[in-house]
Amino acid sequence: MDTPVETTVWQSPPAENQLGLPKRNVWQAMWRGFRCRCPQCGEGKLFNGYLTSVPACSICGEDLSHHRADDAPPYFTIVVVGHVVVPLMVAVFLATELSVTTHLLIWMPLTLVMTLALLRPIKGALIALQWALYMHGFDTRSDPDAMPEGYLRIDPA
């Protein structure tokens, strides 16, 4: 008794996403954002100051004002720095007999420097991720006055 066997032929992913918009290279955009560059062209600056992002790219004109990368970058930075500092701290603590004061003098500045060094690139990568996935208004077809679904618009009286 012969039973039909279904076979699936591998197909390349579509050139468009589910919204019908052209796919953007997420990893390339995040790398550009991590380098604090425009996710579109990779040339323009992503930040005016330490954490103040530019409203638009000075090179290609891409609108970057839609991002919502305010609270997430510190959380990701804490996770990354914690995963580096804590194992090092435990290893040094177990391998040596340094005083608590010495440990504080080593690990507190290291943690502070790593946090300040990584916060900006991580924020850039998250802005670029939102851009690459058409999140939070980066969808060029969306109405700029429209609120995201599920949000309640409250007009000041």
N, C-alpha and C. Protein backbone atom coordinates (compact mmCIF):
# COMPACT_ATOMS: atom_id res chain seq x y z
N MET A 1 0.84 -1.16 0.00
CA MET A 1 0.00 0.00 0.00
C MET A 1 0.89 1.24 0.00
N ASP A 2 0.76 2.02 -1.02
CA ASP A 2 1.56 3.23 -1.15
C ASP A 2 0.77 4.43 -0.60
N THR A 3 1.42 5.13 0.31
CA THR A 3 0.81 6.35 0.84
C THR A 3 1.60 7.54 0.32
N PRO A 4 0.92 8.56 -0.09
CA PRO A 4 1.65 9.73 -0.61
C PRO A 4 2.45 10.41 0.51
N VAL A 5 3.62 10.81 0.16
CA VAL A 5 4.50 11.51 1.10
C VAL A 5 4.61 12.96 0.66
N GLU A 6 4.34 13.84 1.60
CA GLU A 6 4.46 15.26 1.28
C GLU A 6 5.90 15.70 1.47
N THR A 7 6.39 16.38 0.49
CA THR A 7 7.74 16.92 0.61
C THR A 7 7.67 18.43 0.48
N THR A 8 8.49 19.07 1.23
CA THR A 8 8.55 20.53 1.18
C THR A 8 9.88 20.92 0.56
N VAL A 9 9.79 21.71 -0.47
CA VAL A 9 10.99 22.20 -1.13
C VAL A 9 11.38 23.50 -0.46
N TRP A 10 12.66 23.63 -0.11
CA TRP A 10 13.11 24.85 0.54
C TRP A 10 13.02 26.00 -0.44
N GLN A 11 12.48 27.08 0.05
CA GLN A 11 12.37 28.28 -0.76
C GLN A 11 13.06 29.42 -0.03
N SER A 12 13.64 30.30 -0.79
CA SER A 12 14.28 31.44 -0.15
C SER A 12 13.21 32.31 0.48
N PRO A 13 13.55 32.99 1.58
CA PRO A 13 12.56 33.83 2.23
C PRO A 13 12.10 34.95 1.30
N PRO A 14 10.86 35.38 1.48
CA PRO A 14 10.36 36.45 0.60
C PRO A 14 11.16 37.73 0.80
N ALA A 15 11.14 38.54 -0.25
CA ALA A 15 11.87 39.81 -0.20
C ALA A 15 11.12 40.86 0.60
N GLU A 16 9.89 40.53 0.99
CA GLU A 16 9.09 41.46 1.77
C GLU A 16 8.70 40.82 3.09
N ASN A 17 8.41 41.64 4.08
CA ASN A 17 7.95 41.10 5.35
C ASN A 17 6.44 40.94 5.32
N GLN A 18 5.83 40.61 6.47
CA GLN A 18 4.39 40.37 6.50
C GLN A 18 3.56 41.61 6.21
N LEU A 19 4.15 42.78 6.37
CA LEU A 19 3.44 44.02 6.10
C LEU A 19 3.53 44.43 4.63
N GLY A 20 4.29 43.67 3.84
CA GLY A 20 4.49 44.03 2.44
C GLY A 20 5.60 45.04 2.24
N LEU A 21 6.36 45.31 3.28
CA LEU A 21 7.47 46.26 3.20
C LEU A 21 8.76 45.49 2.91
N PRO A 22 9.71 46.11 2.25
CA PRO A 22 10.97 45.41 1.96
C PRO A 22 11.69 45.02 3.24
N LYS A 23 12.25 43.82 3.24
CA LYS A 23 12.99 43.36 4.42
C LYS A 23 14.26 44.17 4.58
N ARG A 24 14.58 44.42 5.83
CA ARG A 24 15.82 45.12 6.16
C ARG A 24 16.74 44.14 6.89
N ASN A 25 18.02 44.25 6.64
CA ASN A 25 18.99 43.37 7.27
C ASN A 25 19.13 43.77 8.74
N VAL A 26 18.57 42.95 9.62
CA VAL A 26 18.52 43.27 11.05
C VAL A 26 19.92 43.32 11.64
N TRP A 27 20.75 42.32 11.34
CA TRP A 27 22.10 42.27 11.93
C TRP A 27 22.98 43.42 11.45
N GLN A 28 22.87 43.74 10.18
CA GLN A 28 23.65 44.87 9.66
C GLN A 28 23.20 46.18 10.32
N ALA A 29 21.89 46.35 10.46
CA ALA A 29 21.37 47.56 11.09
C ALA A 29 21.81 47.64 12.54
N MET A 30 21.74 46.52 13.26
CA MET A 30 22.14 46.54 14.68
C MET A 30 23.63 46.81 14.83
N TRP A 31 24.45 46.28 13.92
CA TRP A 31 25.89 46.54 13.98
C TRP A 31 26.16 48.03 13.73
N ARG A 32 25.44 48.58 12.75
CA ARG A 32 25.59 50.02 12.49
C ARG A 32 25.15 50.83 13.70
N GLY A 33 24.04 50.45 14.31
CA GLY A 33 23.57 51.14 15.50
C GLY A 33 24.53 50.99 16.66
N PHE A 34 25.11 49.81 16.82
CA PHE A 34 26.09 49.59 17.89
C PHE A 34 27.30 50.49 17.71
N ARG A 35 27.64 50.77 16.45
CA ARG A 35 28.74 51.69 16.15
C ARG A 35 28.30 53.15 16.20
N CYS A 36 27.05 53.38 16.63
CA CYS A 36 26.46 54.72 16.77
C CYS A 36 26.35 55.42 15.42
N ARG A 37 25.99 54.65 14.41
CA ARG A 37 25.80 55.18 13.06
C ARG A 37 24.35 54.94 12.62
N CYS A 38 23.93 55.64 11.61
CA CYS A 38 22.58 55.51 11.06
C CYS A 38 22.36 54.07 10.60
N PRO A 39 21.23 53.45 10.98
CA PRO A 39 20.98 52.08 10.55
C PRO A 39 20.71 51.95 9.05
N GLN A 40 20.28 53.04 8.40
CA GLN A 40 19.99 53.02 6.97
C GLN A 40 21.27 53.06 6.14
N CYS A 41 22.10 54.07 6.35
CA CYS A 41 23.28 54.25 5.49
C CYS A 41 24.59 53.85 6.15
N GLY A 42 24.62 53.81 7.47
CA GLY A 42 25.85 53.46 8.18
C GLY A 42 26.88 54.57 8.22
N GLU A 43 26.53 55.75 7.75
CA GLU A 43 27.48 56.86 7.69
C GLU A 43 27.16 57.97 8.69
N GLY A 44 25.91 58.37 8.76
CA GLY A 44 25.53 59.49 9.62
C GLY A 44 25.59 59.13 11.09
N LYS A 45 25.77 60.14 11.92
CA LYS A 45 25.81 59.94 13.37
C LYS A 45 24.41 59.65 13.90
N LEU A 46 24.34 58.78 14.91
CA LEU A 46 23.07 58.42 15.52
C LEU A 46 22.76 59.27 16.75
N PHE A 47 23.80 59.87 17.33
CA PHE A 47 23.63 60.63 18.56
C PHE A 47 24.19 62.04 18.45
N ASN A 48 23.49 62.99 19.10
CA ASN A 48 23.99 64.36 19.25
C ASN A 48 24.91 64.44 20.44
N GLY A 49 24.45 63.96 21.57
CA GLY A 49 25.21 63.97 22.80
C GLY A 49 25.50 62.54 23.22
N TYR A 50 25.63 62.35 24.53
CA TYR A 50 25.95 61.01 25.02
C TYR A 50 24.82 60.03 24.73
N LEU A 51 23.58 60.39 25.07
CA LEU A 51 22.44 59.51 24.81
C LEU A 51 21.32 60.19 24.03
N THR A 52 21.53 61.40 23.56
CA THR A 52 20.51 62.12 22.81
C THR A 52 20.63 61.76 21.34
N SER A 53 19.58 61.10 20.82
CA SER A 53 19.63 60.67 19.43
C SER A 53 19.23 61.81 18.50
N VAL A 54 19.73 61.74 17.28
CA VAL A 54 19.40 62.76 16.28
C VAL A 54 17.99 62.49 15.75
N PRO A 55 17.25 63.53 15.35
CA PRO A 55 15.92 63.31 14.80
C PRO A 55 15.96 62.68 13.41
N ALA A 56 17.01 62.96 12.64
CA ALA A 56 17.15 62.40 11.29
C ALA A 56 18.63 62.30 10.95
N CYS A 57 18.94 61.38 10.05
CA CYS A 57 20.33 61.19 9.63
C CYS A 57 20.78 62.40 8.80
N SER A 58 21.96 62.89 9.10
CA SER A 58 22.48 64.05 8.37
C SER A 58 22.98 63.68 6.98
N ILE A 59 23.19 62.40 6.71
CA ILE A 59 23.69 61.95 5.41
C ILE A 59 22.55 61.54 4.48
N CYS A 60 21.72 60.58 4.93
CA CYS A 60 20.68 60.05 4.05
C CYS A 60 19.29 60.62 4.34
N GLY A 61 19.13 61.34 5.45
CA GLY A 61 17.84 61.95 5.77
C GLY A 61 16.83 61.02 6.40
N GLU A 62 17.21 59.79 6.73
CA GLU A 62 16.28 58.83 7.35
C GLU A 62 15.75 59.39 8.66
N ASP A 63 14.42 59.36 8.82
CA ASP A 63 13.79 59.86 10.04
C ASP A 63 14.02 58.85 11.16
N LEU A 64 14.69 59.26 12.21
CA LEU A 64 15.01 58.38 13.33
C LEU A 64 14.30 58.80 14.61
N SER A 65 13.34 59.69 14.49
CA SER A 65 12.69 60.24 15.68
C SER A 65 11.64 59.30 16.28
N HIS A 66 11.33 58.21 15.61
CA HIS A 66 10.25 57.33 16.07
C HIS A 66 10.65 56.35 17.15
N HIS A 67 11.92 56.24 17.43
CA HIS A 67 12.37 55.17 18.33
C HIS A 67 11.81 55.33 19.73
N ARG A 68 11.71 54.20 20.40
CA ARG A 68 11.31 54.18 21.81
C ARG A 68 12.34 53.36 22.58
N ALA A 69 13.56 53.80 22.53
CA ALA A 69 14.65 53.11 23.22
C ALA A 69 15.06 53.93 24.43
N ASP A 70 14.18 53.99 25.41
CA ASP A 70 14.47 54.79 26.58
C ASP A 70 14.82 53.93 27.79
N ASP A 71 13.98 52.95 28.11
CA ASP A 71 14.19 52.13 29.30
C ASP A 71 14.96 50.84 29.01
N ALA A 72 14.86 50.31 27.83
CA ALA A 72 15.49 49.02 27.53
C ALA A 72 17.02 49.05 27.54
N PRO A 73 17.68 50.07 26.98
CA PRO A 73 19.15 50.04 26.97
C PRO A 73 19.81 49.89 28.34
N PRO A 74 19.34 50.57 29.39
CA PRO A 74 19.97 50.33 30.69
C PRO A 74 19.80 48.90 31.18
N TYR A 75 18.64 48.30 30.91
CA TYR A 75 18.43 46.91 31.34
C TYR A 75 19.38 45.97 30.62
N PHE A 76 19.49 46.12 29.30
CA PHE A 76 20.42 45.27 28.55
C PHE A 76 21.86 45.51 28.98
N THR A 77 22.19 46.76 29.27
CA THR A 77 23.55 47.08 29.72
C THR A 77 23.84 46.41 31.06
N ILE A 78 22.89 46.45 31.98
CA ILE A 78 23.07 45.79 33.28
C ILE A 78 23.28 44.30 33.09
N VAL A 79 22.52 43.68 32.20
CA VAL A 79 22.67 42.24 31.97
C VAL A 79 24.06 41.93 31.41
N VAL A 80 24.50 42.68 30.42
CA VAL A 80 25.81 42.43 29.81
C VAL A 80 26.93 42.66 30.81
N VAL A 81 26.92 43.80 31.47
CA VAL A 81 27.98 44.12 32.42
C VAL A 81 27.97 43.12 33.58
N GLY A 82 26.79 42.78 34.07
CA GLY A 82 26.69 41.81 35.16
C GLY A 82 27.24 40.45 34.79
N HIS A 83 26.99 40.02 33.55
CA HIS A 83 27.50 38.71 33.11
C HIS A 83 29.01 38.71 32.91
N VAL A 84 29.61 39.86 32.80
CA VAL A 84 31.07 39.94 32.69
C VAL A 84 31.70 40.14 34.07
N VAL A 85 31.18 41.09 34.83
CA VAL A 85 31.81 41.46 36.10
C VAL A 85 31.62 40.40 37.17
N VAL A 86 30.43 39.86 37.32
CA VAL A 86 30.18 38.92 38.42
C VAL A 86 31.06 37.67 38.33
N PRO A 87 31.16 36.98 37.18
CA PRO A 87 32.07 35.83 37.14
C PRO A 87 33.52 36.20 37.42
N LEU A 88 33.96 37.34 36.89
CA LEU A 88 35.33 37.78 37.17
C LEU A 88 35.53 38.05 38.66
N MET A 89 34.56 38.70 39.26
CA MET A 89 34.65 39.02 40.67
C MET A 89 34.70 37.74 41.52
N VAL A 90 33.87 36.78 41.20
CA VAL A 90 33.86 35.51 41.94
C VAL A 90 35.18 34.78 41.75
N ALA A 91 35.68 34.74 40.51
CA ALA A 91 36.95 34.05 40.25
C ALA A 91 38.10 34.69 41.01
N VAL A 92 38.17 36.01 41.00
CA VAL A 92 39.25 36.69 41.72
C VAL A 92 39.08 36.50 43.23
N PHE A 93 37.86 36.53 43.71
CA PHE A 93 37.61 36.33 45.14
C PHE A 93 38.06 34.95 45.58
N LEU A 94 37.77 33.93 44.78
CA LEU A 94 38.15 32.56 45.13
C LEU A 94 39.64 32.30 44.95
N ALA A 95 40.27 32.98 44.02
CA ALA A 95 41.68 32.72 43.72
C ALA A 95 42.64 33.52 44.59
N THR A 96 42.16 34.60 45.19
CA THR A 96 43.05 35.46 45.98
C THR A 96 42.45 35.70 47.36
N GLU A 97 43.21 36.35 48.18
CA GLU A 97 42.74 36.71 49.52
C GLU A 97 42.74 38.23 49.68
N LEU A 98 42.17 38.90 48.70
CA LEU A 98 42.10 40.36 48.75
C LEU A 98 41.05 40.80 49.76
N SER A 99 41.25 41.96 50.33
CA SER A 99 40.28 42.49 51.28
C SER A 99 39.04 42.98 50.55
N VAL A 100 37.98 43.17 51.31
CA VAL A 100 36.73 43.67 50.73
C VAL A 100 36.95 45.05 50.13
N THR A 101 37.74 45.87 50.79
CA THR A 101 38.03 47.21 50.28
C THR A 101 38.73 47.14 48.92
N THR A 102 39.67 46.23 48.79
CA THR A 102 40.37 46.08 47.51
C THR A 102 39.41 45.63 46.42
N HIS A 103 38.52 44.71 46.77
CA HIS A 103 37.52 44.27 45.79
C HIS A 103 36.64 45.44 45.36
N LEU A 104 36.22 46.25 46.31
CA LEU A 104 35.41 47.42 45.96
C LEU A 104 36.18 48.38 45.06
N LEU A 105 37.46 48.57 45.36
CA LEU A 105 38.28 49.47 44.55
C LEU A 105 38.52 48.93 43.14
N ILE A 106 38.43 47.63 42.96
CA ILE A 106 38.60 47.03 41.63
C ILE A 106 37.28 47.02 40.87
N TRP A 107 36.24 46.47 41.48
CA TRP A 107 35.01 46.14 40.75
C TRP A 107 34.07 47.31 40.57
N MET A 108 34.01 48.23 41.50
CA MET A 108 33.10 49.37 41.31
C MET A 108 33.52 50.26 40.14
N PRO A 109 34.79 50.66 40.04
CA PRO A 109 35.17 51.46 38.86
C PRO A 109 35.03 50.69 37.55
N LEU A 110 35.38 49.39 37.57
CA LEU A 110 35.25 48.59 36.35
C LEU A 110 33.79 48.52 35.90
N THR A 111 32.90 48.30 36.85
CA THR A 111 31.47 48.24 36.54
C THR A 111 30.98 49.58 35.99
N LEU A 112 31.39 50.67 36.61
CA LEU A 112 30.98 52.00 36.16
C LEU A 112 31.49 52.30 34.76
N VAL A 113 32.76 52.02 34.52
CA VAL A 113 33.36 52.29 33.20
C VAL A 113 32.70 51.44 32.12
N MET A 114 32.50 50.15 32.40
CA MET A 114 31.85 49.27 31.41
C MET A 114 30.42 49.72 31.12
N THR A 115 29.71 50.11 32.16
CA THR A 115 28.32 50.56 31.97
C THR A 115 28.26 51.81 31.11
N LEU A 116 29.10 52.78 31.43
CA LEU A 116 29.10 54.03 30.65
C LEU A 116 29.59 53.79 29.23
N ALA A 117 30.50 52.85 29.03
CA ALA A 117 31.03 52.58 27.69
C ALA A 117 30.03 51.82 26.83
N LEU A 118 29.20 50.97 27.43
CA LEU A 118 28.28 50.13 26.65
C LEU A 118 26.88 50.71 26.49
N LEU A 119 26.49 51.65 27.33
CA LEU A 119 25.12 52.15 27.29
C LEU A 119 24.77 52.78 25.95
N ARG A 120 25.64 53.61 25.42
CA ARG A 120 25.38 54.29 24.15
C ARG A 120 25.33 53.30 22.97
N PRO A 121 26.31 52.40 22.81
CA PRO A 121 26.22 51.44 21.71
C PRO A 121 25.00 50.52 21.81
N ILE A 122 24.64 50.12 23.02
CA ILE A 122 23.46 49.26 23.17
C ILE A 122 22.20 50.03 22.81
N LYS A 123 22.11 51.30 23.19
CA LYS A 123 20.95 52.11 22.79
C LYS A 123 20.92 52.25 21.27
N GLY A 124 22.07 52.46 20.65
CA GLY A 124 22.12 52.54 19.19
C GLY A 124 21.66 51.27 18.52
N ALA A 125 22.07 50.12 19.06
CA ALA A 125 21.65 48.83 18.50
C ALA A 125 20.15 48.64 18.64
N LEU A 126 19.57 49.07 19.75
CA LEU A 126 18.13 48.93 19.93
C LEU A 126 17.34 49.88 19.04
N ILE A 127 17.85 51.08 18.83
CA ILE A 127 17.20 51.99 17.87
C ILE A 127 17.24 51.37 16.48
N ALA A 128 18.37 50.81 16.11
CA ALA A 128 18.51 50.18 14.80
C ALA A 128 17.62 48.96 14.67
N LEU A 129 17.47 48.19 15.74
CA LEU A 129 16.57 47.03 15.71
C LEU A 129 15.14 47.48 15.46
N GLN A 130 14.70 48.52 16.14
CA GLN A 130 13.36 49.05 15.91
C GLN A 130 13.20 49.54 14.48
N TRP A 131 14.23 50.18 13.95
CA TRP A 131 14.18 50.65 12.57
C TRP A 131 14.08 49.47 11.60
N ALA A 132 14.91 48.45 11.81
CA ALA A 132 14.95 47.31 10.90
C ALA A 132 13.65 46.51 10.90
N LEU A 133 12.95 46.50 12.02
CA LEU A 133 11.71 45.74 12.12
C LEU A 133 10.46 46.61 11.94
N TYR A 134 10.65 47.85 11.51
CA TYR A 134 9.55 48.80 11.27
C TYR A 134 8.70 49.00 12.52
N MET A 135 9.32 49.06 13.67
CA MET A 135 8.59 49.24 14.93
C MET A 135 8.40 50.72 15.24
N HIS A 136 7.35 51.03 15.99
CA HIS A 136 7.13 52.35 16.59
C HIS A 136 7.19 53.51 15.61
N GLY A 137 6.49 53.40 14.50
CA GLY A 137 6.44 54.52 13.58
C GLY A 137 7.48 54.50 12.48
N PHE A 138 8.39 53.54 12.50
CA PHE A 138 9.36 53.43 11.41
C PHE A 138 8.71 52.84 10.15
N ASP A 139 7.45 52.38 10.26
CA ASP A 139 6.69 51.93 9.11
C ASP A 139 6.28 53.18 8.33
N THR A 140 6.84 53.35 7.14
CA THR A 140 6.63 54.58 6.37
C THR A 140 5.18 54.74 5.91
N ARG A 141 4.39 53.67 5.96
CA ARG A 141 3.00 53.78 5.53
C ARG A 141 2.09 54.26 6.63
N SER A 142 2.58 54.26 7.87
CA SER A 142 1.70 54.56 8.99
C SER A 142 1.38 56.05 9.08
N ASP A 143 0.26 56.32 9.68
CA ASP A 143 -0.18 57.69 9.91
C ASP A 143 0.60 58.23 11.11
N PRO A 144 1.32 59.33 10.96
CA PRO A 144 2.11 59.83 12.08
C PRO A 144 1.28 60.25 13.29
N ASP A 145 0.00 60.57 13.05
CA ASP A 145 -0.86 60.97 14.17
C ASP A 145 -1.55 59.78 14.83
N ALA A 146 -1.46 58.61 14.22
CA ALA A 146 -2.14 57.44 14.77
C ALA A 146 -1.40 56.91 15.99
N MET A 147 -2.16 56.54 16.99
CA MET A 147 -1.58 55.95 18.19
C MET A 147 -1.45 54.44 17.96
N PRO A 148 -0.46 53.80 18.57
CA PRO A 148 -0.34 52.35 18.45
C PRO A 148 -1.59 51.67 18.99
N GLU A 149 -1.92 50.52 18.42
CA GLU A 149 -3.11 49.78 18.84
C GLU A 149 -3.01 49.44 20.33
N GLY A 150 -4.09 49.66 21.04
CA GLY A 150 -4.09 49.36 22.47
C GLY A 150 -3.76 50.55 23.34
N TYR A 151 -3.35 51.66 22.74
CA TYR A 151 -3.03 52.85 23.52
C TYR A 151 -4.27 53.73 23.59
N LEU A 152 -4.45 54.37 24.69
CA LEU A 152 -5.58 55.27 24.90
C LEU A 152 -5.09 56.70 24.72
N ARG A 153 -5.71 57.42 23.81
CA ARG A 153 -5.33 58.82 23.59
C ARG A 153 -6.08 59.69 24.61
N ILE A 154 -5.32 60.45 25.36
CA ILE A 154 -5.92 61.36 26.34
C ILE A 154 -5.55 62.77 25.92
N ASP A 155 -6.55 63.54 25.55
CA ASP A 155 -6.32 64.92 25.15
C ASP A 155 -6.38 65.80 26.39
N PRO A 156 -5.38 66.67 26.55
CA PRO A 156 -5.42 67.57 27.72
C PRO A 156 -6.59 68.53 27.63
N ALA A 157 -7.24 68.73 28.75
CA ALA A 157 -8.43 69.60 28.77
C ALA A 157 -8.06 71.05 28.95
